[in-house]
C-alpha cells in the first residue's frame, strides 16, 4: 500500500495545533494598512481556527500532520 501524499498547498497554508485544531493566517493582512482601523489590524494579526467541517477537509489533505 503506497503512502498518501500531503497536499503541498494545504501544508503551506495550515498548521495543526497539539489539541488537533487547524490554524490559519488571515487574509487581507499584507498591505494597504492606512485604510484599515487598528482594531481590524489587531484581529488580522492573530491566527484563526477553522470550523469543524473545513478542518476535516484540511486534515484529509494533510494525513501526517
PDB file of N, CA and C in Angstrom:
ATOM      1  N   UNK A   1       0.847  -1.185   0.000  1.00  0.00           N
ATOM      2  CA  UNK A   1       0.000   0.000   0.000  1.00  0.00           C
ATOM      3  C   UNK A   1       0.892   1.247   0.000  1.00  0.00           C
ATOM      4  N   UNK A   2       0.734   2.130  -0.996  1.00  0.00           N
ATOM      5  CA  UNK A   2       1.580   3.320  -1.045  1.00  0.00           C
ATOM      6  C   UNK A   2       1.178   4.352   0.009  1.00  0.00           C
ATOM      7  N   UNK A   3       2.113   5.218   0.312  1.00  0.00           N
ATOM      8  CA  UNK A   3       1.832   6.304   1.256  1.00  0.00           C
ATOM      9  C   UNK A   3       0.896   7.316   0.600  1.00  0.00           C
ATOM     10  N   UNK A   4       0.155   8.037   1.434  1.00  0.00           N
ATOM     11  CA  UNK A   4      -0.709   9.103   0.936  1.00  0.00           C
ATOM     12  C   UNK A   4       0.131  10.374   0.855  1.00  0.00           C
ATOM     13  N   UNK A   5       0.009  11.085  -0.244  1.00  0.00           N
ATOM     14  CA  UNK A   5       0.776  12.316  -0.398  1.00  0.00           C
ATOM     15  C   UNK A   5       0.086  13.479   0.292  1.00  0.00           C
ATOM     16  N   UNK A   6       0.887  14.325   0.929  1.00  0.00           N
ATOM     17  CA  UNK A   6       0.386  15.542   1.550  1.00  0.00           C
ATOM     18  C   UNK A   6       0.180  16.587   0.472  1.00  0.00           C
ATOM     19  N   UNK A   7      -0.955  17.267   0.521  1.00  0.00           N
ATOM     20  CA  UNK A   7      -1.204  18.386  -0.393  1.00  0.00           C
ATOM     21  C   UNK A   7      -0.291  19.538   0.014  1.00  0.00           C
ATOM     22  N   UNK A   8       0.630  19.901  -0.850  1.00  0.00           N
ATOM     23  CA  UNK A   8       1.601  20.941  -0.502  1.00  0.00           C
ATOM     24  C   UNK A   8       0.922  22.297  -0.360  1.00  0.00           C
ATOM     25  N   UNK A   9      -0.152  22.531  -1.108  1.00  0.00           N
ATOM     26  CA  UNK A   9      -0.858  23.815  -0.977  1.00  0.00           C
ATOM     27  C   UNK A   9      -1.467  23.939   0.417  1.00  0.00           C
ATOM     28  N   UNK A  10      -2.022  22.849   0.935  1.00  0.00           N
ATOM     29  CA  UNK A  10      -2.606  22.880   2.277  1.00  0.00           C
ATOM     30  C   UNK A  10      -1.517  22.999   3.340  1.00  0.00           C
ATOM     31  N   UNK A  11      -0.409  22.300   3.139  1.00  0.00           N
ATOM     32  CA  UNK A  11       0.677  22.319   4.129  1.00  0.00           C
ATOM     33  C   UNK A  11       1.272  23.710   4.288  1.00  0.00           C
ATOM     34  N   UNK A  12       1.252  24.501   3.218  1.00  0.00           N
ATOM     35  CA  UNK A  12       1.809  25.855   3.280  1.00  0.00           C
ATOM     36  C   UNK A  12       0.850  26.835   3.951  1.00  0.00           C
ATOM     37  N   UNK A  13      -0.432  26.508   3.983  1.00  0.00           N
ATOM     38  CA  UNK A  13      -1.435  27.444   4.482  1.00  0.00           C
ATOM     39  C   UNK A  13      -1.965  27.128   5.872  1.00  0.00           C
ATOM     40  N   UNK A  14      -1.880  25.882   6.298  1.00  0.00           N
ATOM     41  CA  UNK A  14      -2.483  25.468   7.563  1.00  0.00           C
ATOM     42  C   UNK A  14      -1.471  24.756   8.445  1.00  0.00           C
ATOM     43  N   UNK A  15      -1.680  24.862   9.766  1.00  0.00           N
ATOM     44  CA  UNK A  15      -0.912  24.083  10.730  1.00  0.00           C
ATOM     45  C   UNK A  15      -1.902  23.443  11.695  1.00  0.00           C
ATOM     46  N   UNK A  16      -1.534  22.301  12.254  1.00  0.00           N
ATOM     47  CA  UNK A  16      -2.401  21.614  13.212  1.00  0.00           C
ATOM     48  C   UNK A  16      -1.811  21.801  14.601  1.00  0.00           C
ATOM     49  N   UNK A  17      -2.632  22.278  15.533  1.00  0.00           N
ATOM     50  CA  UNK A  17      -2.168  22.509  16.899  1.00  0.00           C
ATOM     51  C   UNK A  17      -2.083  21.177  17.646  1.00  0.00           C
ATOM     52  N   UNK A  18      -1.512  21.216  18.842  1.00  0.00           N
ATOM     53  CA  UNK A  18      -1.366  19.991  19.630  1.00  0.00           C
ATOM     54  C   UNK A  18      -2.716  19.406  20.019  1.00  0.00           C
ATOM     55  N   UNK A  19      -3.713  20.270  20.174  1.00  0.00           N
ATOM     56  CA  UNK A  19      -5.043  19.781  20.535  1.00  0.00           C
ATOM     57  C   UNK A  19      -5.832  19.310  19.318  1.00  0.00           C
ATOM     58  N   UNK A  20      -5.238  19.447  18.125  1.00  0.00           N
ATOM     59  CA  UNK A  20      -5.878  18.932  16.911  1.00  0.00           C
ATOM     60  C   UNK A  20      -6.654  19.957  16.116  1.00  0.00           C
ATOM     61  N   UNK A  21      -6.672  21.201  16.572  1.00  0.00           N
ATOM     62  CA  UNK A  21      -7.369  22.249  15.835  1.00  0.00           C
ATOM     63  C   UNK A  21      -6.515  22.695  14.644  1.00  0.00           C
ATOM     64  N   UNK A  22      -7.176  23.103  13.571  1.00  0.00           N
ATOM     65  CA  UNK A  22      -6.459  23.551  12.374  1.00  0.00           C
ATOM     66  C   UNK A  22      -6.392  25.072  12.393  1.00  0.00           C
ATOM     67  N   UNK A  23      -5.160  25.596  12.381  1.00  0.00           N
ATOM     68  CA  UNK A  23      -4.946  27.039  12.442  1.00  0.00           C
ATOM     69  C   UNK A  23      -4.619  27.578  11.055  1.00  0.00           C
ATOM     70  N   UNK A  24      -4.967  28.845  10.818  1.00  0.00           N
ATOM     71  CA  UNK A  24      -4.651  29.501   9.554  1.00  0.00           C
ATOM     72  C   UNK A  24      -4.343  30.965   9.789  1.00  0.00           C
ATOM     73  N   UNK A  25      -3.680  31.588   8.833  1.00  0.00           N
ATOM     74  CA  UNK A  25      -3.357  33.009   8.888  1.00  0.00           C
ATOM     75  C   UNK A  25      -4.432  33.752   8.117  1.00  0.00           C
ATOM     76  N   UNK A  26      -4.854  34.902   8.633  1.00  0.00           N
ATOM     77  CA  UNK A  26      -5.916  35.672   7.998  1.00  0.00           C
ATOM     78  C   UNK A  26      -5.485  36.301   6.681  1.00  0.00           C
ATOM     79  N   UNK A  27      -6.435  36.450   5.795  1.00  0.00           N
ATOM     80  CA  UNK A  27      -6.227  37.178   4.549  1.00  0.00           C
ATOM     81  C   UNK A  27      -6.330  38.677   4.836  1.00  0.00           C
ATOM     82  N   UNK A  28      -5.964  39.496   3.866  1.00  0.00           N
ATOM     83  CA  UNK A  28      -6.043  40.971   3.946  1.00  0.00           C
ATOM     84  C   UNK A  28      -5.104  41.545   4.998  1.00  0.00           C
ATOM     85  N   UNK A  29      -4.019  40.853   5.314  1.00  0.00           N
ATOM     86  CA  UNK A  29      -3.102  41.353   6.341  1.00  0.00           C
ATOM     87  C   UNK A  29      -1.715  41.624   5.753  1.00  0.00           C
ATOM     88  N   UNK A  30      -1.659  42.000   4.490  1.00  0.00           N
ATOM     89  CA  UNK A  30      -0.366  42.161   3.832  1.00  0.00           C
ATOM     90  C   UNK A  30      -0.012  43.607   3.476  1.00  0.00           C
ATOM     91  N   UNK A  31      -0.977  44.396   3.032  1.00  0.00           N
ATOM     92  CA  UNK A  31      -0.660  45.770   2.621  1.00  0.00           C
ATOM     93  C   UNK A  31      -1.911  46.635   2.739  1.00  0.00           C
ATOM     94  N   UNK A  32      -1.772  47.925   2.418  1.00  0.00           N
ATOM     95  CA  UNK A  32      -2.863  48.917   2.490  1.00  0.00           C
ATOM     96  C   UNK A  32      -3.428  49.033   3.903  1.00  0.00           C
ATOM     97  N   UNK A  33      -2.537  49.220   4.878  1.00  0.00           N
ATOM     98  CA  UNK A  33      -2.970  49.314   6.265  1.00  0.00           C
ATOM     99  C   UNK A  33      -3.518  50.688   6.623  1.00  0.00           C
ATOM    100  N   UNK A  34      -3.271  51.681   5.788  1.00  0.00           N
ATOM    101  CA  UNK A  34      -3.773  53.026   6.094  1.00  0.00           C
ATOM    102  C   UNK A  34      -5.293  53.077   6.031  1.00  0.00           C
ATOM    103  N   UNK A  35      -5.906  52.179   5.260  1.00  0.00           N
ATOM    104  CA  UNK A  35      -7.369  52.176   5.139  1.00  0.00           C
ATOM    105  C   UNK A  35      -8.038  51.245   6.149  1.00  0.00           C
ATOM    106  N   UNK A  36      -7.261  50.546   6.959  1.00  0.00           N
ATOM    107  CA  UNK A  36      -7.824  49.637   7.959  1.00  0.00           C
ATOM    108  C   UNK A  36      -7.681  50.266   9.350  1.00  0.00           C
ATOM    109  N   UNK A  37      -8.695  50.073  10.185  1.00  0.00           N
ATOM    110  CA  UNK A  37      -8.604  50.645  11.521  1.00  0.00           C
ATOM    111  C   UNK A  37      -7.771  49.735  12.436  1.00  0.00           C
ATOM    112  N   UNK A  38      -7.262  50.262  13.546  1.00  0.00           N
ATOM    113  CA  UNK A  38      -6.363  49.493  14.416  1.00  0.00           C
ATOM    114  C   UNK A  38      -6.978  48.197  14.947  1.00  0.00           C
ATOM    115  N   UNK A  39      -8.274  48.213  15.218  1.00  0.00           N
ATOM    116  CA  UNK A  39      -8.942  47.015  15.739  1.00  0.00           C
ATOM    117  C   UNK A  39      -8.917  45.897  14.707  1.00  0.00           C
ATOM    118  N   UNK A  40      -9.153  46.246  13.463  1.00  0.00           N
ATOM    119  CA  UNK A  40      -9.143  45.249  12.385  1.00  0.00           C
ATOM    120  C   UNK A  40      -7.739  44.697  12.180  1.00  0.00           C
ATOM    121  N   UNK A  41      -6.741  45.583  12.227  1.00  0.00           N
ATOM    122  CA  UNK A  41      -5.352  45.140  12.046  1.00  0.00           C
ATOM    123  C   UNK A  41      -4.923  44.187  13.157  1.00  0.00           C
ATOM    124  N   UNK A  42      -5.349  44.459  14.386  1.00  0.00           N
ATOM    125  CA  UNK A  42      -5.019  43.586  15.517  1.00  0.00           C
ATOM    126  C   UNK A  42      -5.683  42.221  15.338  1.00  0.00           C
ATOM    127  N   UNK A  43      -6.916  42.199  14.865  1.00  0.00           N
ATOM    128  CA  UNK A  43      -7.642  40.948  14.654  1.00  0.00           C
ATOM    129  C   UNK A  43      -6.990  40.111  13.557  1.00  0.00           C
ATOM    130  N   UNK A  44      -6.491  40.783  12.510  1.00  0.00           N
ATOM    131  CA  UNK A  44      -5.869  40.071  11.397  1.00  0.00           C
ATOM    132  C   UNK A  44      -4.510  39.479  11.769  1.00  0.00           C
ATOM    133  N   UNK A  45      -3.854  40.036  12.802  1.00  0.00           N
ATOM    134  CA  UNK A  45      -2.544  39.516  13.214  1.00  0.00           C
ATOM    135  C   UNK A  45      -2.655  38.143  13.857  1.00  0.00           C
ATOM    136  N   UNK A  46      -3.775  37.890  14.520  1.00  0.00           N
ATOM    137  CA  UNK A  46      -3.946  36.626  15.238  1.00  0.00           C
ATOM    138  C   UNK A  46      -4.269  35.497  14.269  1.00  0.00           C
ATOM    139  N   UNK A  47      -3.922  34.268  14.654  1.00  0.00           N
ATOM    140  CA  UNK A  47      -4.259  33.127  13.816  1.00  0.00           C
ATOM    141  C   UNK A  47      -5.717  32.764  14.040  1.00  0.00           C
ATOM    142  N   UNK A  48      -6.333  32.229  12.991  1.00  0.00           N
ATOM    143  CA  UNK A  48      -7.725  31.802  13.082  1.00  0.00           C
ATOM    144  C   UNK A  48      -7.811  30.304  13.275  1.00  0.00           C
ATOM    145  N   UNK A  49      -8.952  29.842  13.727  1.00  0.00           N
ATOM    146  CA  UNK A  49      -9.218  28.413  13.901  1.00  0.00           C
ATOM    147  C   UNK A  49     -10.321  28.031  12.918  1.00  0.00           C
ATOM    148  N   UNK A  50     -10.072  27.004  12.124  1.00  0.00           N
ATOM    149  CA  UNK A  50     -11.071  26.555  11.159  1.00  0.00           C
ATOM    150  C   UNK A  50     -12.247  25.883  11.857  1.00  0.00           C
ATOM    151  N   UNK A  51     -13.406  25.934  11.215  1.00  0.00           N
ATOM    152  CA  UNK A  51     -14.582  25.242  11.712  1.00  0.00           C
ATOM    153  C   UNK A  51     -14.443  23.735  11.517  1.00  0.00           C
ATOM    154  N   UNK A  52     -15.344  22.971  12.120  1.00  0.00           N
ATOM    155  CA  UNK A  52     -15.263  21.510  12.100  1.00  0.00           C
ATOM    156  C   UNK A  52     -15.257  20.937  10.687  1.00  0.00           C
ATOM    157  N   UNK A  53     -16.196  21.375   9.853  1.00  0.00           N
ATOM    158  CA  UNK A  53     -16.348  20.797   8.514  1.00  0.00           C
ATOM    159  C   UNK A  53     -15.116  21.092   7.658  1.00  0.00           C
ATOM    160  N   UNK A  54     -14.638  22.342   7.692  1.00  0.00           N
ATOM    161  CA  UNK A  54     -13.463  22.708   6.903  1.00  0.00           C
ATOM    162  C   UNK A  54     -12.207  22.034   7.445  1.00  0.00           C
ATOM    163  N   UNK A  55     -12.113  21.910   8.764  1.00  0.00           N
ATOM    164  CA  UNK A  55     -10.940  21.277   9.374  1.00  0.00           C
ATOM    165  C   UNK A  55     -10.829  19.822   8.940  1.00  0.00           C
ATOM    166  N   UNK A  56     -11.966  19.141   8.819  1.00  0.00           N
ATOM    167  CA  UNK A  56     -11.955  17.738   8.387  1.00  0.00           C
ATOM    168  C   UNK A  56     -11.415  17.615   6.973  1.00  0.00           C
ATOM    169  N   UNK A  57     -11.790  18.559   6.103  1.00  0.00           N
ATOM    170  CA  UNK A  57     -11.302  18.546   4.723  1.00  0.00           C
ATOM    171  C   UNK A  57      -9.799  18.789   4.669  1.00  0.00           C
ATOM    172  N   UNK A  58      -9.316  19.712   5.505  1.00  0.00           N
ATOM    173  CA  UNK A  58      -7.888  20.039   5.522  1.00  0.00           C
ATOM    174  C   UNK A  58      -7.090  18.870   6.077  1.00  0.00           C
ATOM    175  N   UNK A  59      -7.615  18.194   7.126  1.00  0.00           N
ATOM    176  CA  UNK A  59      -6.913  17.044   7.687  1.00  0.00           C
ATOM    177  C   UNK A  59      -6.799  15.910   6.683  1.00  0.00           C
ATOM    178  N   UNK A  60      -7.787  15.787   5.804  1.00  0.00           N
ATOM    179  CA  UNK A  60      -7.722  14.758   4.758  1.00  0.00           C
ATOM    180  C   UNK A  60      -6.621  15.090   3.749  1.00  0.00           C
ATOM    181  N   UNK A  61      -6.366  16.386   3.544  1.00  0.00           N
ATOM    182  CA  UNK A  61      -5.304  16.802   2.624  1.00  0.00           C
ATOM    183  C   UNK A  61      -3.923  16.666   3.255  1.00  0.00           C
ATOM    184  N   UNK A  62      -3.865  16.677   4.604  1.00  0.00           N
ATOM    185  CA  UNK A  62      -2.601  16.578   5.330  1.00  0.00           C
ATOM    186  C   UNK A  62      -2.654  15.381   6.269  1.00  0.00           C
ATOM    187  N   UNK A  63      -2.525  14.168   5.773  1.00  0.00           N
ATOM    188  CA  UNK A  63      -2.736  12.972   6.587  1.00  0.00           C
ATOM    189  C   UNK A  63      -1.704  12.759   7.695  1.00  0.00           C
ATOM    190  N   UNK A  64      -0.519  13.331   7.576  1.00  0.00           N
ATOM    191  CA  UNK A  64       0.540  13.065   8.551  1.00  0.00           C
ATOM    192  C   UNK A  64       0.807  14.252   9.489  1.00  0.00           C
ATOM    193  N   UNK A  65      -0.035  15.273   9.432  1.00  0.00           N
ATOM    194  CA  UNK A  65       0.172  16.466  10.267  1.00  0.00           C
ATOM    195  C   UNK A  65      -0.500  16.301  11.616  1.00  0.00           C
TER     196      UNK A  65
END
